[in-house]
Amino acid sequence: MCNYQTLYHGNTGYVIRCQQCKGLQLAFGTTVISFNLEEFECFTKMVTRLADDHKYESENEKAICLPLPADHVMMLLTPGEITSLSRMTAEVQALLTTYEILESAS
């Protein structure tokens, strides 16, 4: 049974981690996604790349397609949503890196 640790909680969603199996769960908008650590790192890089791409025409148009680990499942986001998701995942990634350093030191 998982014992969850909150890594991020805000108006747009949350990220929690099971302290035993190290599985992550990200909730954003109406979507909840489960990741292992490697999948989350890949997802974070992809979100960052998409957020850094400033060629979007409309700020309110859901035009950014973000593939998910499950086959044939994607998130469709606005530029504002991808920016928010990018900040969220970057903060969690920094926290995970910090925990990894602390755990390896003990």
N, C-alpha and C. Protein backbone atom coordinates (compact mmCIF):
# COMPACT_ATOMS: atom_id res chain seq x y z
N MET A 1 0.84 -1.18 0.00
CA MET A 1 0.00 0.00 0.00
C MET A 1 0.88 1.24 0.00
N CYS A 2 0.53 2.19 -0.81
CA CYS A 2 1.36 3.39 -0.96
C CYS A 2 1.16 4.39 0.18
N ASN A 3 2.26 5.00 0.56
CA ASN A 3 2.28 6.07 1.55
C ASN A 3 2.75 7.31 0.81
N TYR A 4 1.83 8.23 0.51
CA TYR A 4 2.14 9.34 -0.38
C TYR A 4 2.76 10.54 0.31
N GLN A 5 3.68 11.16 -0.40
CA GLN A 5 4.36 12.39 0.00
C GLN A 5 3.98 13.44 -1.03
N THR A 6 3.51 14.60 -0.59
CA THR A 6 3.14 15.66 -1.51
C THR A 6 4.39 16.42 -1.93
N LEU A 7 4.62 16.47 -3.25
CA LEU A 7 5.76 17.19 -3.79
C LEU A 7 5.35 18.57 -4.31
N TYR A 8 4.09 18.68 -4.72
CA TYR A 8 3.57 19.96 -5.21
C TYR A 8 2.07 19.95 -5.01
N HIS A 9 1.55 21.10 -4.59
CA HIS A 9 0.10 21.27 -4.51
C HIS A 9 -0.22 22.73 -4.77
N GLY A 10 -1.03 22.99 -5.76
CA GLY A 10 -1.39 24.36 -6.10
C GLY A 10 -2.75 24.42 -6.76
N ASN A 11 -3.11 25.60 -7.25
CA ASN A 11 -4.41 25.80 -7.88
C ASN A 11 -4.61 24.96 -9.13
N THR A 12 -3.52 24.66 -9.82
CA THR A 12 -3.64 23.92 -11.09
C THR A 12 -3.54 22.42 -10.94
N GLY A 13 -3.07 21.94 -9.78
CA GLY A 13 -2.95 20.50 -9.61
C GLY A 13 -2.01 20.12 -8.49
N TYR A 14 -1.57 18.87 -8.55
CA TYR A 14 -0.66 18.37 -7.53
C TYR A 14 0.25 17.30 -8.12
N VAL A 15 1.34 17.01 -7.39
CA VAL A 15 2.19 15.87 -7.68
C VAL A 15 2.47 15.19 -6.35
N ILE A 16 2.22 13.89 -6.29
CA ILE A 16 2.52 13.11 -5.10
C ILE A 16 3.43 11.96 -5.49
N ARG A 17 4.15 11.44 -4.47
CA ARG A 17 5.09 10.33 -4.70
C ARG A 17 4.90 9.29 -3.62
N CYS A 18 4.88 8.04 -4.02
CA CYS A 18 4.85 6.95 -3.04
C CYS A 18 6.26 6.78 -2.50
N GLN A 19 6.41 6.83 -1.20
CA GLN A 19 7.74 6.72 -0.60
C GLN A 19 8.31 5.31 -0.69
N GLN A 20 7.46 4.30 -0.87
CA GLN A 20 7.96 2.93 -0.99
C GLN A 20 8.36 2.62 -2.44
N CYS A 21 7.41 2.74 -3.37
CA CYS A 21 7.69 2.33 -4.75
C CYS A 21 8.24 3.46 -5.62
N LYS A 22 8.25 4.69 -5.10
CA LYS A 22 8.75 5.89 -5.79
C LYS A 22 7.91 6.26 -7.02
N GLY A 23 6.71 5.68 -7.16
CA GLY A 23 5.81 6.06 -8.25
C GLY A 23 5.27 7.47 -8.02
N LEU A 24 5.05 8.18 -9.10
CA LEU A 24 4.57 9.56 -9.03
C LEU A 24 3.18 9.65 -9.64
N GLN A 25 2.37 10.55 -9.12
CA GLN A 25 1.06 10.83 -9.69
C GLN A 25 0.94 12.33 -9.86
N LEU A 26 0.65 12.77 -11.08
CA LEU A 26 0.49 14.18 -11.40
C LEU A 26 -0.96 14.43 -11.76
N ALA A 27 -1.57 15.42 -11.13
CA ALA A 27 -2.92 15.85 -11.49
C ALA A 27 -2.80 17.26 -12.03
N PHE A 28 -3.38 17.49 -13.21
CA PHE A 28 -3.36 18.80 -13.82
C PHE A 28 -4.67 18.99 -14.57
N GLY A 29 -5.41 20.02 -14.20
CA GLY A 29 -6.73 20.21 -14.81
C GLY A 29 -7.61 19.02 -14.49
N THR A 30 -8.13 18.37 -15.51
CA THR A 30 -9.00 17.21 -15.31
C THR A 30 -8.27 15.89 -15.55
N THR A 31 -6.95 15.93 -15.65
CA THR A 31 -6.16 14.75 -15.99
C THR A 31 -5.29 14.32 -14.81
N VAL A 32 -5.25 13.02 -14.56
CA VAL A 32 -4.36 12.45 -13.55
C VAL A 32 -3.51 11.40 -14.25
N ILE A 33 -2.19 11.49 -14.07
CA ILE A 33 -1.26 10.60 -14.76
C ILE A 33 -0.33 9.96 -13.73
N SER A 34 -0.10 8.67 -13.87
CA SER A 34 0.87 7.96 -13.03
C SER A 34 2.15 7.75 -13.82
N PHE A 35 3.28 8.00 -13.18
CA PHE A 35 4.59 7.88 -13.81
C PHE A 35 5.53 7.09 -12.92
N ASN A 36 6.51 6.43 -13.53
CA ASN A 36 7.68 6.04 -12.76
C ASN A 36 8.66 7.22 -12.89
N LEU A 37 9.77 7.18 -12.21
CA LEU A 37 10.69 8.32 -12.18
C LEU A 37 11.22 8.67 -13.57
N GLU A 38 11.59 7.67 -14.35
CA GLU A 38 12.14 7.92 -15.69
C GLU A 38 11.08 8.56 -16.61
N GLU A 39 9.86 8.08 -16.53
CA GLU A 39 8.78 8.66 -17.33
C GLU A 39 8.54 10.11 -16.96
N PHE A 40 8.58 10.40 -15.64
CA PHE A 40 8.36 11.78 -15.20
C PHE A 40 9.47 12.71 -15.69
N GLU A 41 10.71 12.23 -15.64
CA GLU A 41 11.83 13.04 -16.13
C GLU A 41 11.67 13.34 -17.62
N CYS A 42 11.29 12.34 -18.40
CA CYS A 42 11.06 12.53 -19.83
C CYS A 42 9.90 13.49 -20.07
N PHE A 43 8.82 13.32 -19.32
CA PHE A 43 7.66 14.19 -19.43
C PHE A 43 8.03 15.64 -19.11
N THR A 44 8.82 15.85 -18.07
CA THR A 44 9.26 17.19 -17.67
C THR A 44 10.06 17.85 -18.79
N LYS A 45 10.97 17.10 -19.40
CA LYS A 45 11.77 17.65 -20.51
C LYS A 45 10.88 18.03 -21.70
N MET A 46 9.92 17.18 -22.02
CA MET A 46 9.02 17.47 -23.13
C MET A 46 8.16 18.70 -22.84
N VAL A 47 7.64 18.81 -21.63
CA VAL A 47 6.83 19.97 -21.24
C VAL A 47 7.66 21.24 -21.32
N THR A 48 8.89 21.18 -20.84
CA THR A 48 9.78 22.35 -20.88
C THR A 48 10.04 22.79 -22.31
N ARG A 49 10.32 21.83 -23.20
CA ARG A 49 10.55 22.16 -24.61
C ARG A 49 9.33 22.84 -25.23
N LEU A 50 8.15 22.30 -24.95
CA LEU A 50 6.92 22.87 -25.50
C LEU A 50 6.63 24.26 -24.92
N ALA A 51 6.92 24.45 -23.64
CA ALA A 51 6.69 25.75 -23.01
C ALA A 51 7.65 26.81 -23.54
N ASP A 52 8.85 26.39 -23.91
CA ASP A 52 9.85 27.33 -24.43
C ASP A 52 9.60 27.71 -25.88
N ASP A 53 8.73 26.98 -26.56
CA ASP A 53 8.39 27.27 -27.96
C ASP A 53 7.33 28.37 -27.98
N HIS A 54 7.70 29.55 -28.44
CA HIS A 54 6.81 30.71 -28.37
C HIS A 54 6.13 31.03 -29.70
N LYS A 55 5.91 30.04 -30.53
CA LYS A 55 5.32 30.31 -31.85
C LYS A 55 3.80 30.12 -31.87
N TYR A 56 3.17 30.07 -30.73
CA TYR A 56 1.73 29.84 -30.67
C TYR A 56 0.99 31.13 -31.01
N GLU A 57 -0.04 31.01 -31.84
CA GLU A 57 -0.76 32.18 -32.32
C GLU A 57 -1.73 32.74 -31.29
N SER A 58 -2.50 31.91 -30.66
CA SER A 58 -3.52 32.36 -29.72
C SER A 58 -3.22 31.84 -28.32
N GLU A 59 -3.27 32.72 -27.36
CA GLU A 59 -3.01 32.36 -25.96
C GLU A 59 -4.11 31.46 -25.39
N ASN A 60 -5.30 31.52 -25.95
CA ASN A 60 -6.43 30.78 -25.39
C ASN A 60 -6.84 29.54 -26.20
N GLU A 61 -6.13 29.28 -27.27
CA GLU A 61 -6.46 28.14 -28.11
C GLU A 61 -5.76 26.88 -27.63
N LYS A 62 -6.51 25.82 -27.48
CA LYS A 62 -5.92 24.54 -27.09
C LYS A 62 -5.28 23.92 -28.32
N ALA A 63 -4.02 24.27 -28.54
CA ALA A 63 -3.33 23.86 -29.77
C ALA A 63 -2.06 23.07 -29.49
N ILE A 64 -1.71 22.87 -28.24
CA ILE A 64 -0.47 22.16 -27.90
C ILE A 64 -0.83 20.74 -27.52
N CYS A 65 -0.33 19.80 -28.29
CA CYS A 65 -0.61 18.38 -28.08
C CYS A 65 0.56 17.75 -27.32
N LEU A 66 0.28 17.22 -26.15
CA LEU A 66 1.30 16.64 -25.29
C LEU A 66 1.05 15.15 -25.13
N PRO A 67 1.88 14.29 -25.76
CA PRO A 67 1.68 12.85 -25.63
C PRO A 67 1.93 12.38 -24.20
N LEU A 68 1.20 11.37 -23.79
CA LEU A 68 1.34 10.80 -22.45
C LEU A 68 1.88 9.38 -22.55
N PRO A 69 2.34 8.80 -21.42
CA PRO A 69 2.92 7.45 -21.47
C PRO A 69 1.97 6.38 -22.00
N ALA A 70 0.68 6.55 -21.84
CA ALA A 70 -0.28 5.56 -22.34
C ALA A 70 -0.44 5.71 -23.85
N ASP A 71 -0.59 4.59 -24.53
CA ASP A 71 -0.78 4.62 -25.98
C ASP A 71 -2.06 5.37 -26.35
N HIS A 72 -1.96 6.21 -27.36
CA HIS A 72 -3.10 6.91 -27.94
C HIS A 72 -3.79 7.88 -26.96
N VAL A 73 -3.06 8.38 -25.97
CA VAL A 73 -3.62 9.34 -25.02
C VAL A 73 -2.74 10.58 -25.02
N MET A 74 -3.38 11.75 -25.13
CA MET A 74 -2.65 13.01 -25.16
C MET A 74 -3.40 14.07 -24.35
N MET A 75 -2.67 15.08 -23.93
CA MET A 75 -3.29 16.26 -23.32
C MET A 75 -3.29 17.36 -24.38
N LEU A 76 -4.34 18.13 -24.42
CA LEU A 76 -4.44 19.26 -25.34
C LEU A 76 -4.49 20.51 -24.48
N LEU A 77 -3.47 21.39 -24.64
CA LEU A 77 -3.28 22.52 -23.74
C LEU A 77 -3.18 23.85 -24.47
N THR A 78 -3.46 24.92 -23.74
CA THR A 78 -3.22 26.28 -24.23
C THR A 78 -1.79 26.67 -23.88
N PRO A 79 -1.25 27.72 -24.49
CA PRO A 79 0.09 28.18 -24.10
C PRO A 79 0.20 28.52 -22.60
N GLY A 80 -0.84 29.09 -22.03
CA GLY A 80 -0.82 29.39 -20.60
C GLY A 80 -0.78 28.14 -19.76
N GLU A 81 -1.51 27.12 -20.17
CA GLU A 81 -1.52 25.85 -19.43
C GLU A 81 -0.17 25.15 -19.52
N ILE A 82 0.47 25.16 -20.69
CA ILE A 82 1.77 24.49 -20.82
C ILE A 82 2.82 25.22 -19.99
N THR A 83 2.71 26.55 -19.90
CA THR A 83 3.63 27.32 -19.06
C THR A 83 3.44 26.96 -17.59
N SER A 84 2.20 26.88 -17.17
CA SER A 84 1.90 26.51 -15.79
C SER A 84 2.38 25.09 -15.47
N LEU A 85 2.12 24.16 -16.38
CA LEU A 85 2.57 22.78 -16.20
C LEU A 85 4.09 22.69 -16.18
N SER A 86 4.75 23.50 -16.98
CA SER A 86 6.21 23.52 -17.01
C SER A 86 6.78 23.99 -15.68
N ARG A 87 6.21 25.03 -15.12
CA ARG A 87 6.68 25.51 -13.80
C ARG A 87 6.47 24.45 -12.74
N MET A 88 5.33 23.81 -12.79
CA MET A 88 4.99 22.78 -11.81
C MET A 88 5.96 21.61 -11.89
N THR A 89 6.20 21.09 -13.10
CA THR A 89 7.09 19.93 -13.24
C THR A 89 8.54 20.29 -12.94
N ALA A 90 8.96 21.51 -13.27
CA ALA A 90 10.33 21.93 -12.98
C ALA A 90 10.55 22.00 -11.47
N GLU A 91 9.56 22.51 -10.76
CA GLU A 91 9.67 22.58 -9.30
C GLU A 91 9.76 21.19 -8.68
N VAL A 92 8.94 20.28 -9.17
CA VAL A 92 8.96 18.91 -8.66
C VAL A 92 10.29 18.23 -9.02
N GLN A 93 10.77 18.43 -10.24
CA GLN A 93 12.04 17.82 -10.65
C GLN A 93 13.18 18.29 -9.77
N ALA A 94 13.20 19.58 -9.44
CA ALA A 94 14.24 20.12 -8.54
C ALA A 94 14.14 19.49 -7.16
N LEU A 95 12.93 19.30 -6.68
CA LEU A 95 12.73 18.68 -5.37
C LEU A 95 13.17 17.22 -5.40
N LEU A 96 12.85 16.50 -6.47
CA LEU A 96 13.27 15.10 -6.59
C LEU A 96 14.79 14.98 -6.63
N THR A 97 15.44 15.89 -7.33
CA THR A 97 16.91 15.89 -7.39
C THR A 97 17.49 16.13 -6.00
N THR A 98 16.90 17.06 -5.26
CA THR A 98 17.34 17.34 -3.89
C THR A 98 17.17 16.12 -3.00
N TYR A 99 16.01 15.46 -3.07
CA TYR A 99 15.79 14.24 -2.28
C TYR A 99 16.78 13.15 -2.65
N GLU A 100 17.07 13.02 -3.93
CA GLU A 100 18.03 12.00 -4.37
C GLU A 100 19.42 12.27 -3.77
N ILE A 101 19.84 13.52 -3.75
CA ILE A 101 21.13 13.88 -3.15
C ILE A 101 21.13 13.57 -1.67
N LEU A 102 20.08 13.93 -0.99
CA LEU A 102 19.99 13.69 0.46
C LEU A 102 19.95 12.20 0.79
N GLU A 103 19.23 11.44 -0.03
CA GLU A 103 19.15 10.00 0.22
C GLU A 103 20.47 9.29 -0.05
N SER A 104 21.23 9.76 -1.04
CA SER A 104 22.50 9.13 -1.34
C SER A 104 23.57 9.50 -0.31
N ALA A 105 23.38 10.62 0.37
CA ALA A 105 24.34 11.04 1.39
C ALA A 105 24.17 10.28 2.70
N SER A 106 22.97 9.72 2.91
CA SER A 106 22.74 9.01 4.19
C SER A 106 22.95 7.53 4.09
